[in-house]
């Protein structure tokens, strides 16, 4: 069974809406899920799970949200080999670096040894009903990867 942690940051609710749909997909696939705001999480927790999902909106010209910075720095102290991971976030195409926070988190996960098994999922601002279904499918795919049935 897939044992997954999903940690996210959301300012306007867009990334949280994505997180909820991804969580639904993980649960529908039979995964056990722990879901937390990044403000309530510690990077050391990542080592306790088989699957990791991180979600962050991109701030300004491509930065991680302020509330993700401490967690991101804490990730330097974790070993994530044998972990399956994925990253998602809401984005705004009015900035030159579209969804760069997603790319930054993917790079950090890979640097710490995690296998990022899905391309980063980026949604323009508020997810549409079709994009919510894509988020749910993203969660299902991750759960299958973690469970070894993908």
Protein backbone atom coordinates (compact mmCIF):
# COMPACT_ATOMS: atom_id res chain seq x y z
CA UNK A 1 0.00 0.00 0.00
CA UNK A 2 1.25 3.46 -0.83
CA UNK A 3 2.22 5.51 2.24
CA UNK A 4 2.37 9.12 1.01
CA UNK A 5 2.89 12.56 2.52
CA UNK A 6 1.60 15.63 0.71
CA UNK A 7 2.96 19.00 1.85
CA UNK A 8 1.85 22.24 0.24
CA UNK A 9 1.74 26.03 0.48
CA UNK A 10 -1.20 28.04 -0.81
CA UNK A 11 -1.91 31.76 -0.63
CA UNK A 12 -5.13 32.21 -2.56
CA UNK A 13 -6.42 28.64 -2.34
CA UNK A 14 -5.45 27.55 -5.87
CA UNK A 15 -2.62 25.24 -4.80
CA UNK A 16 -4.74 23.94 -1.92
CA UNK A 17 -7.52 23.08 -4.37
CA UNK A 18 -4.98 21.15 -6.44
CA UNK A 19 -3.69 19.43 -3.28
CA UNK A 20 -7.20 18.32 -2.32
CA UNK A 21 -7.78 16.79 -5.76
CA UNK A 22 -4.39 15.04 -5.75
CA UNK A 23 -5.18 13.72 -2.27
CA UNK A 24 -8.51 12.37 -3.55
CA UNK A 25 -6.65 10.54 -6.32
CA UNK A 26 -4.14 9.02 -3.91
CA UNK A 27 -6.93 7.84 -1.60
CA UNK A 28 -9.03 6.47 -4.50
CA UNK A 29 -6.01 4.37 -5.49
CA UNK A 30 -5.88 2.95 -1.95
CA UNK A 31 -2.98 5.04 -0.69
CA UNK A 32 -2.55 6.04 2.93
CA UNK A 33 -2.09 9.81 2.98
CA UNK A 34 -0.83 12.39 5.41
CA UNK A 35 -1.56 15.94 4.21
CA UNK A 36 -0.06 19.06 5.78
CA UNK A 37 0.49 22.72 5.22
CA UNK A 38 4.20 23.41 4.89
CA UNK A 39 3.92 25.62 7.98
CA UNK A 40 2.96 22.52 10.03
CA UNK A 41 5.60 20.22 8.53
CA UNK A 42 9.25 19.42 9.08
CA UNK A 43 11.43 18.08 6.26
CA UNK A 44 12.63 15.19 8.44
CA UNK A 45 9.11 13.75 8.19
CA UNK A 46 9.73 12.99 4.50
CA UNK A 47 12.00 10.10 5.47
CA UNK A 48 9.06 8.25 7.10
CA UNK A 49 7.07 7.87 3.85
CA UNK A 50 7.44 5.88 0.64
CA UNK A 51 5.93 8.66 -1.48
CA UNK A 52 6.31 12.44 -1.32
CA UNK A 53 4.19 15.10 -2.99
CA UNK A 54 5.15 18.75 -2.65
CA UNK A 55 2.98 21.63 -3.82
CA UNK A 56 3.87 25.30 -4.05
CA UNK A 57 2.73 28.33 -5.93
CA UNK A 58 5.44 30.40 -7.60
CA UNK A 59 6.02 33.76 -6.01
CA UNK A 60 7.06 36.77 -8.08
CA UNK A 61 9.58 36.10 -10.82
CA UNK A 62 10.14 32.46 -9.95
CA UNK A 63 10.69 32.17 -6.23
CA UNK A 64 9.44 29.68 -3.69
CA UNK A 65 6.79 31.13 -1.37
CA UNK A 66 8.26 32.57 1.84
CA UNK A 67 6.49 29.93 3.93
CA UNK A 68 8.36 27.19 2.02
CA UNK A 69 11.87 28.59 2.55
CA UNK A 70 12.63 27.04 5.97
CA UNK A 71 11.30 23.65 4.86
CA UNK A 72 13.38 23.86 1.66
CA UNK A 73 16.53 24.56 3.70
CA UNK A 74 15.70 21.68 6.08
CA UNK A 75 15.59 19.35 3.08
CA UNK A 76 19.40 19.59 2.93
CA UNK A 77 19.48 17.30 5.98
CA UNK A 78 17.25 14.49 4.69
CA UNK A 79 18.08 11.35 2.72
CA UNK A 80 15.34 10.48 0.24
CA UNK A 81 16.80 7.51 -1.67
CA UNK A 82 14.15 4.89 -2.45
CA UNK A 83 11.39 7.53 -2.22
CA UNK A 84 9.03 8.23 -5.10
CA UNK A 85 8.11 11.88 -5.49
CA UNK A 86 6.09 14.40 -7.47
CA UNK A 87 5.60 18.17 -7.42
CA UNK A 88 2.71 20.44 -8.39
CA UNK A 89 1.72 24.08 -8.15
CA UNK A 90 -0.40 26.92 -9.39
CA UNK A 91 1.39 29.35 -11.69
CA UNK A 92 0.93 32.73 -13.32
CA UNK A 93 2.04 33.16 -16.93
CA UNK A 94 2.32 36.93 -16.50
CA UNK A 95 5.78 36.25 -14.99
CA UNK A 96 8.79 35.25 -17.06
CA UNK A 97 9.59 32.11 -15.04
CA UNK A 98 6.40 30.05 -15.31
CA UNK A 99 5.96 27.77 -12.31
CA UNK A 100 9.62 27.92 -11.33
CA UNK A 101 8.82 26.87 -7.74
CA UNK A 102 7.74 23.47 -9.10
CA UNK A 103 11.07 23.10 -10.92
CA UNK A 104 13.03 24.24 -7.84
CA UNK A 105 11.35 21.60 -5.66
CA UNK A 106 11.91 18.86 -8.25
CA UNK A 107 15.61 19.71 -8.33
CA UNK A 108 15.85 19.60 -4.52
CA UNK A 109 14.05 16.25 -4.31
CA UNK A 110 16.38 14.75 -6.92
CA UNK A 111 19.41 16.25 -5.19
CA UNK A 112 18.34 14.49 -1.96
CA UNK A 113 18.01 11.15 -3.77
CA UNK A 114 14.27 10.91 -4.46
CA UNK A 115 13.03 9.54 -7.76
CA UNK A 116 10.66 12.10 -9.27
CA UNK A 117 8.29 9.79 -11.13
CA UNK A 118 5.97 12.33 -12.79
CA UNK A 119 6.55 15.59 -14.64
CA UNK A 120 5.80 18.66 -12.54
CA UNK A 121 2.11 19.53 -12.69
CA UNK A 122 1.60 23.24 -13.34
CA UNK A 123 -1.81 24.90 -13.51
CA UNK A 124 -2.47 28.47 -14.56
CA UNK A 125 -4.00 30.26 -11.55
CA UNK A 126 -7.34 28.70 -10.52
CA UNK A 127 -7.74 25.09 -11.69
CA UNK A 128 -10.66 24.40 -14.01
CA UNK A 129 -12.89 21.38 -13.46
CA UNK A 130 -10.89 19.53 -16.15
CA UNK A 131 -7.63 20.43 -14.39
CA UNK A 132 -9.06 19.19 -11.09
CA UNK A 133 -9.60 15.83 -12.81
CA UNK A 134 -5.99 15.99 -14.06
CA UNK A 135 -4.86 16.60 -10.48
CA UNK A 136 -6.84 13.58 -9.31
CA UNK A 137 -5.24 11.48 -12.07
CA UNK A 138 -1.81 12.80 -11.00
CA UNK A 139 -2.49 11.56 -7.46
CA UNK A 140 -3.60 8.17 -8.74
CA UNK A 141 -0.48 7.84 -10.90
CA UNK A 142 1.79 8.72 -7.98
CA UNK A 143 0.05 6.20 -5.71
CA UNK A 144 0.55 3.48 -8.37
CA UNK A 145 4.25 4.35 -8.66
CA UNK A 146 4.67 4.20 -4.88
CA UNK A 147 2.79 0.91 -4.66
CA UNK A 148 4.84 -0.52 -7.55
CA UNK A 149 1.83 -1.06 -9.81
CA UNK A 150 2.51 1.72 -12.35
